[in-house]
Amino acid sequence: MSHLPQRPDWHCRACREDWPCLGARADLLTEYANTRPSLGMYLAAQMMDAVLDLGHPLDAAMYDRFLSWVRPREPKPAWLAPTPRQSYSRRDIVQRAQQILDTHVRLPATGLCAACGADRCPRRAGAIRILYSRYGRLRCG
């Protein structure tokens, strides 16, 4: 790592820019590639040393210089993005509930659900609740 801080003025020894310069940032990101939290702790300690050496107040400028680049804002992965809610009409809800009741019937011999084999089929129970709730009065046909 050739881009080291020159204390007490906190300039880069290699390029004389404010440390951490672009070269130091690249070196640090490579060195701490698998341990970003450790890089953040190291730079926070360096920032506090720089505040004491420079007599500079701890403010947004110091944060931007030392820490803001460590953990850049990344877009959320597609699987975390909120999906738009699809609205269904009452007719669609009742038709789907009736389809569930048609496929999840109790077999007379065993009393088990024909589709999933459960003694108390949760899908059938949910469909019955839907049909006898606020949507129950709607007739499809």
Protein backbone atom coordinates (compact mmCIF):
# COMPACT_ATOMS: atom_id res chain seq x y z
CA MET A 1 0.00 0.00 0.00
CA SER A 2 1.81 3.10 -1.22
CA HIS A 3 -0.85 5.70 -0.41
CA LEU A 4 -0.30 6.21 3.32
CA PRO A 5 -1.30 9.25 5.41
CA GLN A 6 1.29 11.88 6.30
CA ARG A 7 0.57 13.04 9.82
CA PRO A 8 -0.23 15.58 11.22
CA ASP A 9 -1.53 17.25 8.03
CA TRP A 10 -3.29 14.10 6.75
CA HIS A 11 -2.14 14.29 3.14
CA CYS A 12 -1.18 11.27 1.06
CA ARG A 13 2.56 10.58 1.03
CA ALA A 14 2.40 9.48 -2.63
CA CYS A 15 0.17 12.07 -4.30
CA ARG A 16 -0.18 14.84 -1.65
CA GLU A 17 -4.00 14.84 -1.88
CA ASP A 18 -6.21 14.70 1.20
CA TRP A 19 -5.97 11.20 2.65
CA PRO A 20 -7.70 8.83 1.93
CA CYS A 21 -7.10 9.73 -1.72
CA LEU A 22 -8.45 7.69 -4.63
CA GLY A 23 -5.34 5.50 -4.61
CA ALA A 24 -5.64 4.85 -0.87
CA ARG A 25 -9.33 4.05 -1.26
CA ALA A 26 -8.58 1.52 -3.98
CA ASP A 27 -5.80 -0.05 -1.89
CA LEU A 28 -7.99 -0.20 1.21
CA LEU A 29 -10.93 -1.71 -0.67
CA THR A 30 -8.62 -4.40 -2.03
CA GLU A 31 -7.02 -5.08 1.34
CA TYR A 32 -10.35 -5.22 3.19
CA ALA A 33 -12.33 -6.83 0.35
CA ASN A 34 -13.87 -9.53 2.56
CA THR A 35 -14.12 -7.50 5.77
CA ARG A 36 -15.91 -4.23 5.02
CA PRO A 37 -17.00 -3.71 8.66
CA SER A 38 -13.35 -3.84 9.73
CA LEU A 39 -12.50 -1.24 7.10
CA GLY A 40 -15.21 1.02 8.48
CA MET A 41 -13.87 0.66 12.04
CA TYR A 42 -10.30 1.32 10.90
CA LEU A 43 -11.32 4.45 9.00
CA ALA A 44 -13.48 5.69 11.88
CA ALA A 45 -10.42 5.47 14.15
CA GLN A 46 -8.31 7.26 11.52
CA MET A 47 -10.98 9.96 11.23
CA MET A 48 -10.90 10.56 14.97
CA ASP A 49 -7.09 10.84 14.87
CA ALA A 50 -7.38 13.31 11.98
CA VAL A 51 -9.94 15.39 13.90
CA LEU A 52 -7.54 15.61 16.85
CA ASP A 53 -4.46 16.32 14.71
CA LEU A 54 -6.11 18.91 12.47
CA GLY A 55 -8.26 20.55 15.14
CA HIS A 56 -11.09 20.19 12.65
CA PRO A 57 -14.63 19.64 13.97
CA LEU A 58 -16.24 16.28 13.42
CA ASP A 59 -18.75 17.17 10.73
CA ALA A 60 -20.22 15.97 7.44
CA ALA A 61 -17.09 16.95 5.51
CA MET A 62 -14.93 14.66 7.63
CA TYR A 63 -17.50 11.87 7.36
CA ASP A 64 -17.60 12.26 3.57
CA ARG A 65 -13.82 12.23 3.37
CA PHE A 66 -13.24 9.16 5.55
CA LEU A 67 -16.36 6.99 5.67
CA SER A 68 -19.04 7.76 3.09
CA TRP A 69 -17.34 5.77 0.33
CA VAL A 70 -16.83 2.60 2.41
CA ARG A 71 -20.37 1.32 2.08
CA PRO A 72 -21.91 2.76 -1.07
CA ARG A 73 -25.64 2.63 -1.53
CA GLU A 74 -26.47 -0.34 -3.68
CA PRO A 75 -29.77 -0.94 -5.39
CA LYS A 76 -31.90 -3.59 -3.78
CA PRO A 77 -31.84 -6.98 -5.40
CA ALA A 78 -34.84 -7.74 -7.58
CA TRP A 79 -36.15 -10.32 -5.13
CA LEU A 80 -36.32 -7.63 -2.40
CA ALA A 81 -38.11 -5.07 -4.53
CA PRO A 82 -41.75 -4.64 -3.61
CA THR A 83 -44.14 -6.19 -6.06
CA PRO A 84 -47.20 -4.25 -7.06
CA ARG A 85 -50.35 -5.60 -5.51
CA GLN A 86 -52.79 -7.02 -7.94
CA SER A 87 -56.39 -6.19 -7.29
CA TYR A 88 -59.04 -8.79 -7.87
CA SER A 89 -62.72 -8.24 -8.41
CA ARG A 90 -65.28 -9.92 -6.18
CA ARG A 91 -66.26 -12.12 -9.08
CA ASP A 92 -62.63 -13.33 -9.46
CA ILE A 93 -62.36 -14.09 -5.75
CA VAL A 94 -65.60 -16.08 -5.67
CA GLN A 95 -64.70 -17.98 -8.83
CA ARG A 96 -61.28 -18.91 -7.42
CA ALA A 97 -62.87 -20.05 -4.15
CA GLN A 98 -65.32 -22.20 -6.09
CA GLN A 99 -62.48 -23.72 -8.11
CA ILE A 100 -60.69 -24.62 -4.87
CA LEU A 101 -63.85 -26.23 -3.51
CA ASP A 102 -64.26 -28.21 -6.73
CA THR A 103 -60.71 -29.61 -6.57
CA HIS A 104 -60.37 -30.01 -2.79
CA VAL A 105 -63.33 -32.28 -2.15
CA ARG A 106 -63.63 -34.79 0.64
CA LEU A 107 -63.52 -38.40 -0.47
CA PRO A 108 -66.55 -40.24 0.92
CA ALA A 109 -64.63 -43.42 1.76
CA THR A 110 -61.84 -41.83 3.78
CA GLY A 111 -63.02 -38.30 4.52
CA LEU A 112 -59.66 -36.96 3.31
CA CYS A 113 -59.13 -34.20 0.75
CA ALA A 114 -58.82 -35.57 -2.78
CA ALA A 115 -56.23 -32.94 -3.83
CA CYS A 116 -53.84 -32.81 -0.86
CA GLY A 117 -54.83 -35.81 1.28
CA ALA A 118 -55.29 -33.76 4.43
CA ASP A 119 -57.89 -34.56 7.05
CA ARG A 120 -58.70 -30.88 7.43
CA CYS A 121 -57.74 -29.17 4.18
CA PRO A 122 -56.66 -25.56 4.85
CA ARG A 123 -57.39 -24.48 1.28
CA ARG A 124 -60.92 -25.85 1.43
CA ALA A 125 -61.48 -24.17 4.79
CA GLY A 126 -60.20 -20.86 3.41
CA ALA A 127 -62.42 -21.12 0.36
CA ILE A 128 -65.46 -21.83 2.54
CA ARG A 129 -64.63 -18.79 4.69
CA ILE A 130 -64.39 -16.62 1.59
CA LEU A 131 -67.69 -17.87 0.19
CA TYR A 132 -69.56 -17.36 3.45
CA SER A 133 -67.99 -14.01 4.25
CA ARG A 134 -68.62 -10.67 2.59
CA TYR A 135 -68.29 -12.24 -0.87
CA GLY A 136 -70.77 -15.01 -0.19
CA ARG A 137 -73.82 -13.19 -1.43
CA LEU A 138 -72.36 -12.58 -4.89
CA ARG A 139 -73.61 -15.01 -7.50
CA CYS A 140 -71.40 -15.92 -10.40
CA GLY A 141 -72.91 -17.35 -13.45
